[in-house]
């Protein structure tokens, strides 16, 4: 990937990240509250939801949008570089017989590992800020309150990285495999060839929406566990439904990768014992809606900016 193309990718990725976070963040806040251990506080006795569920929908937006831009740039720079290397290897006579879909899946997996390392601290801050109860008597914003909580234990900002990577890698790989395959097949049909940039962008957005919605459904349980671990890391033991040892174990996954998997499974088992297995699919419909809309906006705007710059040259 040339320097010029690299700059275009960086600009497109940064703008796409800022745009999708701005649009999708309120939906994400509602999903976090629904999936949290304190979800009942957002319901009335008769089962209907309270106004609190929809208040402060942009809580935690700051750290997320700040981190999402470099994370997105790192993702697409890595993704495009890996795809380019794969294409060059095939043209040189190597990796023959390997389907192009493998390139999409592998490239996106490598790119997501890099992106997750940047995004995880922001996600932890965001999700803890999203469940802070707003009060007129508090001078500090929810984000400032959460930052203060983590000031003396910054290592816990990587809580849930293992679950983030474990949940994101297959989900992202599946999303990009479906997205790139759908788009390639669509564009390969002479009867459906887009005539202009707008039609190309619409094709990309539609394919991305289908891919994001489909791939997110299977990974809702991982998303719920990841959310609970992050929220537990930001609370004092007295304010959580989980035991102190469970919170310590959840936080320890951030810097003890070799022991992370058993801790994650123990944490998940405790959730199921206390609330039933159905809790692992809480917020699944909203998650799919957010994933579909987010993918369409994210990849659609990314492709739009790339195509626009290509048209100028």
Protein backbone atom coordinates (compact mmCIF):
# COMPACT_ATOMS: atom_id res chain seq x y z
CA UNK A 1 0.00 0.00 0.00
CA UNK A 2 1.56 3.31 -1.11
CA UNK A 3 1.94 6.35 1.12
CA UNK A 4 -0.84 8.15 -0.78
CA UNK A 5 -3.22 5.24 -0.46
CA UNK A 6 -2.25 4.86 3.18
CA UNK A 7 -3.22 8.47 3.86
CA UNK A 8 -6.58 7.99 2.14
CA UNK A 9 -7.24 4.84 4.18
CA UNK A 10 -6.35 6.70 7.39
CA UNK A 11 -8.65 9.63 6.61
CA UNK A 12 -11.52 7.36 5.52
CA UNK A 13 -11.13 5.12 8.58
CA UNK A 14 -10.98 8.05 11.00
CA UNK A 15 -14.03 9.81 9.58
CA UNK A 16 -16.01 6.55 9.42
CA UNK A 17 -15.19 5.79 13.06
CA UNK A 18 -16.25 9.22 14.29
CA UNK A 19 -19.47 9.09 12.29
CA UNK A 20 -20.56 5.62 13.38
CA UNK A 21 -19.78 6.30 17.06
CA UNK A 22 -21.84 9.49 16.97
CA UNK A 23 -24.86 7.75 15.45
CA UNK A 24 -24.72 4.38 17.22
CA UNK A 25 -23.60 5.42 20.73
CA UNK A 26 -27.16 6.00 22.09
CA UNK A 27 -28.21 2.51 20.97
CA UNK A 28 -25.06 1.09 22.49
CA UNK A 29 -25.84 2.80 25.80
CA UNK A 30 -29.31 1.22 25.93
CA UNK A 31 -27.81 -2.22 25.13
CA UNK A 32 -25.23 -1.85 27.91
CA UNK A 33 -27.93 -0.96 30.44
CA UNK A 34 -30.13 -3.86 29.35
CA UNK A 35 -27.23 -6.31 29.63
CA UNK A 36 -25.94 -5.00 32.97
CA UNK A 37 -26.49 -6.77 36.28
CA UNK A 38 -28.65 -3.82 37.38
CA UNK A 39 -31.05 -4.03 34.43
CA UNK A 40 -34.03 -4.27 36.82
CA UNK A 41 -33.53 -0.67 37.93
CA UNK A 42 -34.64 0.37 34.44
CA UNK A 43 -37.98 -1.45 34.80
CA UNK A 44 -41.15 -0.66 36.67
CA UNK A 45 -42.96 -3.20 38.83
CA UNK A 46 -45.42 -4.00 36.02
CA UNK A 47 -42.56 -4.72 33.61
CA UNK A 48 -42.45 -1.56 31.50
CA UNK A 49 -39.20 0.38 31.23
CA UNK A 50 -38.53 3.60 33.12
CA UNK A 51 -37.31 6.93 31.77
CA UNK A 52 -33.87 6.23 33.25
CA UNK A 53 -33.17 3.75 30.44
CA UNK A 54 -33.21 6.58 27.90
CA UNK A 55 -31.53 9.32 29.92
CA UNK A 56 -27.92 10.34 29.34
CA UNK A 57 -27.57 8.30 26.15
CA UNK A 58 -24.24 9.96 25.31
CA UNK A 59 -22.62 9.12 28.65
CA UNK A 60 -19.15 7.70 28.02
CA UNK A 61 -19.04 9.08 24.48
CA UNK A 62 -15.81 11.05 24.97
CA UNK A 63 -13.29 8.24 25.58
CA UNK A 64 -14.96 6.06 22.96
CA UNK A 65 -14.80 8.50 20.08
CA UNK A 66 -11.27 9.56 21.02
CA UNK A 67 -10.03 5.95 20.98
CA UNK A 68 -12.16 4.73 18.08
CA UNK A 69 -10.46 6.99 15.54
CA UNK A 70 -6.88 5.68 16.02
CA UNK A 71 -8.26 2.16 16.49
CA UNK A 72 -10.13 2.40 13.19
CA UNK A 73 -7.08 3.79 11.41
CA UNK A 74 -4.96 0.95 12.81
CA UNK A 75 -7.59 -1.60 11.79
CA UNK A 76 -7.99 -0.54 8.17
CA UNK A 77 -4.28 0.15 7.68
CA UNK A 78 -3.52 -3.38 8.88
CA UNK A 79 -6.47 -4.88 6.98
CA UNK A 80 -5.61 -3.27 3.65
CA UNK A 81 -1.91 -4.10 4.09
CA UNK A 82 -2.65 -7.77 4.81
CA UNK A 83 -5.02 -8.02 1.83
CA UNK A 84 -2.43 -6.36 -0.40
CA UNK A 85 0.28 -8.75 0.80
CA UNK A 86 -2.01 -11.72 0.11
CA UNK A 87 -2.76 -10.49 -3.42
CA UNK A 88 0.93 -9.91 -4.16
CA UNK A 89 1.80 -13.38 -2.88
CA UNK A 90 -0.82 -14.96 -5.15
CA UNK A 91 0.38 -12.99 -8.16
CA UNK A 92 3.93 -14.16 -7.44
CA UNK A 93 2.75 -17.75 -7.58
CA UNK A 94 2.47 -18.37 -3.84
CA UNK A 95 -0.60 -19.32 -1.79
CA UNK A 96 -2.24 -20.77 -4.88
CA UNK A 97 -5.52 -22.57 -4.25
CA UNK A 98 -6.34 -20.51 -1.16
CA UNK A 99 -9.73 -18.80 -1.61
CA UNK A 100 -9.95 -15.02 -1.47
CA UNK A 101 -12.39 -15.39 1.42
CA UNK A 102 -9.51 -16.69 3.57
CA UNK A 103 -7.68 -13.43 2.88
CA UNK A 104 -10.68 -11.41 4.05
CA UNK A 105 -11.09 -13.42 7.25
CA UNK A 106 -7.39 -13.60 8.15
CA UNK A 107 -6.68 -9.96 7.34
CA UNK A 108 -9.61 -8.72 9.41
CA UNK A 109 -8.61 -10.99 12.33
CA UNK A 110 -5.07 -9.60 12.44
CA UNK A 111 -6.40 -6.06 12.12
CA UNK A 112 -8.92 -6.58 14.92
CA UNK A 113 -6.22 -7.78 17.35
CA UNK A 114 -4.45 -4.45 16.85
CA UNK A 115 -7.68 -2.47 17.11
CA UNK A 116 -8.85 -4.24 20.28
CA UNK A 117 -5.67 -3.31 22.14
CA UNK A 118 -6.42 0.37 21.49
CA UNK A 119 -10.18 0.23 22.03
CA UNK A 120 -10.45 -1.89 25.18
CA UNK A 121 -9.61 0.85 27.76
CA UNK A 122 -12.06 3.23 26.09
CA UNK A 123 -14.76 0.56 26.05
CA UNK A 124 -14.27 -0.11 29.77
CA UNK A 125 -14.54 3.60 30.56
CA UNK A 126 -17.52 4.02 28.25
CA UNK A 127 -19.59 1.13 29.60
CA UNK A 128 -18.97 2.10 33.23
CA UNK A 129 -19.95 5.69 32.42
CA UNK A 130 -23.10 4.51 30.64
CA UNK A 131 -24.53 3.02 33.84
CA UNK A 132 -23.63 5.92 36.17
CA UNK A 133 -26.85 7.32 37.59
CA UNK A 134 -27.08 11.00 36.73
CA UNK A 135 -27.71 13.40 39.58
CA UNK A 136 -28.21 17.15 39.55
CA UNK A 137 -26.15 17.39 42.71
CA UNK A 138 -23.04 15.98 41.07
CA UNK A 139 -20.64 18.45 39.51
CA UNK A 140 -18.58 15.87 37.66
CA UNK A 141 -19.66 14.21 34.46
CA UNK A 142 -20.17 10.40 34.40
CA UNK A 143 -16.93 10.04 32.41
CA UNK A 144 -14.99 12.09 34.97
CA UNK A 145 -16.38 9.98 37.83
CA UNK A 146 -15.35 6.78 36.08
CA UNK A 147 -11.88 8.13 35.27
CA UNK A 148 -11.41 8.83 38.96
CA UNK A 149 -12.43 5.26 39.82
CA UNK A 150 -9.78 3.83 37.51
CA UNK A 151 -7.03 6.35 38.32
CA UNK A 152 -5.44 4.15 41.00
CA UNK A 153 -5.80 0.88 39.04
CA UNK A 154 -5.19 1.65 35.37
CA UNK A 155 -4.35 -1.98 34.54
CA UNK A 156 -8.02 -2.88 34.99
CA UNK A 157 -8.77 -0.79 31.90
CA UNK A 158 -7.78 -3.89 29.95
CA UNK A 159 -10.37 -6.00 31.77
CA UNK A 160 -12.27 -8.11 29.28
CA UNK A 161 -9.62 -7.86 26.53
CA UNK A 162 -9.57 -11.64 26.23
CA UNK A 163 -13.35 -11.72 25.85
CA UNK A 164 -13.21 -8.73 23.51
CA UNK A 165 -10.66 -10.45 21.27
CA UNK A 166 -12.34 -13.86 21.56
CA UNK A 167 -15.72 -12.37 20.71
CA UNK A 168 -14.58 -9.83 18.14
CA UNK A 169 -12.16 -11.95 16.08
CA UNK A 170 -14.66 -14.55 14.84
CA UNK A 171 -17.41 -11.94 14.59
CA UNK A 172 -15.28 -9.45 12.64
CA UNK A 173 -13.80 -12.19 10.46
CA UNK A 174 -17.27 -13.48 9.65
CA UNK A 175 -18.54 -9.94 9.01
CA UNK A 176 -15.76 -9.10 6.56
CA UNK A 177 -15.94 -12.49 4.88
CA UNK A 178 -19.68 -12.04 4.28
CA UNK A 179 -19.31 -8.36 3.39
CA UNK A 180 -16.47 -8.76 0.89
CA UNK A 181 -18.01 -11.90 -0.63
CA UNK A 182 -21.44 -10.29 -1.05
CA UNK A 183 -19.94 -7.15 -2.53
CA UNK A 184 -17.67 -9.07 -4.94
CA UNK A 185 -20.52 -11.27 -6.14
CA UNK A 186 -22.82 -8.29 -6.54
CA UNK A 187 -20.28 -6.24 -8.49
CA UNK A 188 -19.30 -9.26 -10.60
CA UNK A 189 -22.80 -9.40 -12.11
CA UNK A 190 -22.87 -7.21 -15.26
CA UNK A 191 -26.57 -6.52 -14.75
CA UNK A 192 -25.92 -5.00 -11.32
CA UNK A 193 -22.84 -2.91 -12.06
CA UNK A 194 -23.10 0.45 -10.23
CA UNK A 195 -23.03 3.41 -12.58
CA UNK A 196 -21.69 5.97 -10.13
CA UNK A 197 -20.10 6.42 -6.70
CA UNK A 198 -23.47 6.74 -4.95
CA UNK A 199 -24.59 3.33 -6.20
CA UNK A 200 -21.28 1.76 -5.19
CA UNK A 201 -21.62 3.21 -1.71
CA UNK A 202 -25.21 1.99 -1.45
CA UNK A 203 -24.07 -1.50 -2.48
CA UNK A 204 -21.31 -1.44 0.16
CA UNK A 205 -23.69 -0.21 2.85
CA UNK A 206 -26.31 -2.85 2.06
CA UNK A 207 -23.77 -5.69 2.04
CA UNK A 208 -22.25 -4.37 5.29
CA UNK A 209 -25.66 -4.18 6.98
CA UNK A 210 -26.46 -7.79 6.09
CA UNK A 211 -23.04 -8.97 7.22
CA UNK A 212 -23.09 -7.04 10.50
CA UNK A 213 -26.61 -8.08 11.46
CA UNK A 214 -26.05 -11.76 10.67
CA UNK A 215 -22.65 -12.14 12.34
CA UNK A 216 -23.55 -10.26 15.53
CA UNK A 217 -26.43 -12.57 16.50
CA UNK A 218 -24.21 -15.57 17.30
CA UNK A 219 -21.92 -13.56 19.55
CA UNK A 220 -24.45 -11.87 21.83
CA UNK A 221 -23.53 -14.14 24.82
CA UNK A 222 -19.87 -13.14 24.53
CA UNK A 223 -20.96 -9.50 24.38
CA UNK A 224 -23.05 -9.86 27.56
CA UNK A 225 -20.20 -11.52 29.48
CA UNK A 226 -17.72 -8.91 28.27
CA UNK A 227 -20.06 -6.10 29.35
CA UNK A 228 -20.60 -7.62 32.81
CA UNK A 229 -16.84 -8.07 33.34
CA UNK A 230 -16.14 -4.46 32.45
CA UNK A 231 -18.88 -3.14 34.70
CA UNK A 232 -17.69 -5.35 37.56
CA UNK A 233 -14.18 -3.97 37.16
CA UNK A 234 -15.50 -0.44 37.66
CA UNK A 235 -17.47 -1.14 40.83
CA UNK A 236 -16.71 -1.55 44.47
CA UNK A 237 -17.60 -5.00 45.82
CA UNK A 238 -20.40 -3.59 47.95
CA UNK A 239 -22.20 -2.25 44.89
CA UNK A 240 -22.16 -5.35 42.72
CA UNK A 241 -24.13 -8.54 42.50
CA UNK A 242 -20.92 -10.54 42.15
CA UNK A 243 -18.54 -11.64 44.85
CA UNK A 244 -15.27 -9.74 45.49
CA UNK A 245 -13.32 -12.73 44.22
CA UNK A 246 -15.28 -12.71 40.96
CA UNK A 247 -14.47 -9.03 40.41
CA UNK A 248 -10.79 -9.59 41.19
CA UNK A 249 -10.73 -12.54 38.82
CA UNK A 250 -12.44 -10.53 36.08
CA UNK A 251 -9.91 -7.72 36.46
CA UNK A 252 -7.01 -10.18 36.46
CA UNK A 253 -7.83 -11.30 32.93
CA UNK A 254 -6.43 -8.00 31.70
CA UNK A 255 -2.83 -8.87 32.52
CA UNK A 256 -2.81 -12.66 33.03
CA UNK A 257 -3.64 -14.09 29.60
CA UNK A 258 -2.65 -17.67 30.49
CA UNK A 259 -5.32 -17.78 33.20
CA UNK A 260 -7.90 -15.64 31.41
CA UNK A 261 -10.04 -18.38 29.88
CA UNK A 262 -10.84 -20.18 33.19
CA UNK A 263 -11.67 -16.83 34.82
CA UNK A 264 -14.00 -15.89 31.98
CA UNK A 265 -15.81 -19.23 32.12
CA UNK A 266 -16.13 -18.98 35.91
CA UNK A 267 -17.56 -15.48 35.57
CA UNK A 268 -20.01 -16.64 32.90
CA UNK A 269 -21.06 -19.64 34.99
CA UNK A 270 -21.79 -17.37 37.95
CA UNK A 271 -24.03 -15.17 35.78
CA UNK A 272 -25.97 -18.19 34.52
CA UNK A 273 -26.37 -19.63 38.04
CA UNK A 274 -27.72 -16.37 39.40
CA UNK A 275 -29.91 -15.21 36.52
CA UNK A 276 -30.43 -18.13 34.13
CA UNK A 277 -29.06 -18.81 30.66
CA UNK A 278 -31.55 -16.46 28.98
CA UNK A 279 -29.62 -13.50 30.38
CA UNK A 280 -26.82 -14.29 27.91
CA UNK A 281 -29.13 -13.31 25.06
CA UNK A 282 -30.42 -10.12 26.64
CA UNK A 283 -30.52 -7.23 24.19
CA UNK A 284 -29.94 -9.51 21.19
CA UNK A 285 -32.44 -7.78 18.89
CA UNK A 286 -31.07 -4.33 19.63
CA UNK A 287 -27.54 -5.69 19.23
CA UNK A 288 -28.36 -6.95 15.73
CA UNK A 289 -30.02 -3.66 14.80
CA UNK A 290 -27.04 -1.67 16.09
CA UNK A 291 -24.57 -3.99 14.35
CA UNK A 292 -26.41 -3.81 11.04
CA UNK A 293 -26.81 -0.04 11.13
CA UNK A 294 -23.30 0.48 12.46
CA UNK A 295 -21.71 -1.72 9.79
CA UNK A 296 -23.66 0.04 7.04
CA UNK A 297 -22.60 3.49 8.26
CA UNK A 298 -19.02 2.45 9.04
CA UNK A 299 -18.14 0.55 5.87
CA UNK A 300 -20.42 2.65 3.68
CA UNK A 301 -18.77 5.92 4.72
CA UNK A 302 -15.30 4.32 4.57
CA UNK A 303 -15.87 3.21 0.97
CA UNK A 304 -17.49 6.55 0.08
CA UNK A 305 -14.44 8.55 1.16
CA UNK A 306 -12.04 6.16 -0.60
CA UNK A 307 -14.06 6.30 -3.81
CA UNK A 308 -14.26 10.09 -3.61
CA UNK A 309 -10.48 10.44 -3.32
CA UNK A 310 -9.99 7.90 -6.10
CA UNK A 311 -12.27 9.95 -8.35
CA UNK A 312 -10.11 13.03 -7.80
CA UNK A 313 -7.05 11.30 -9.22
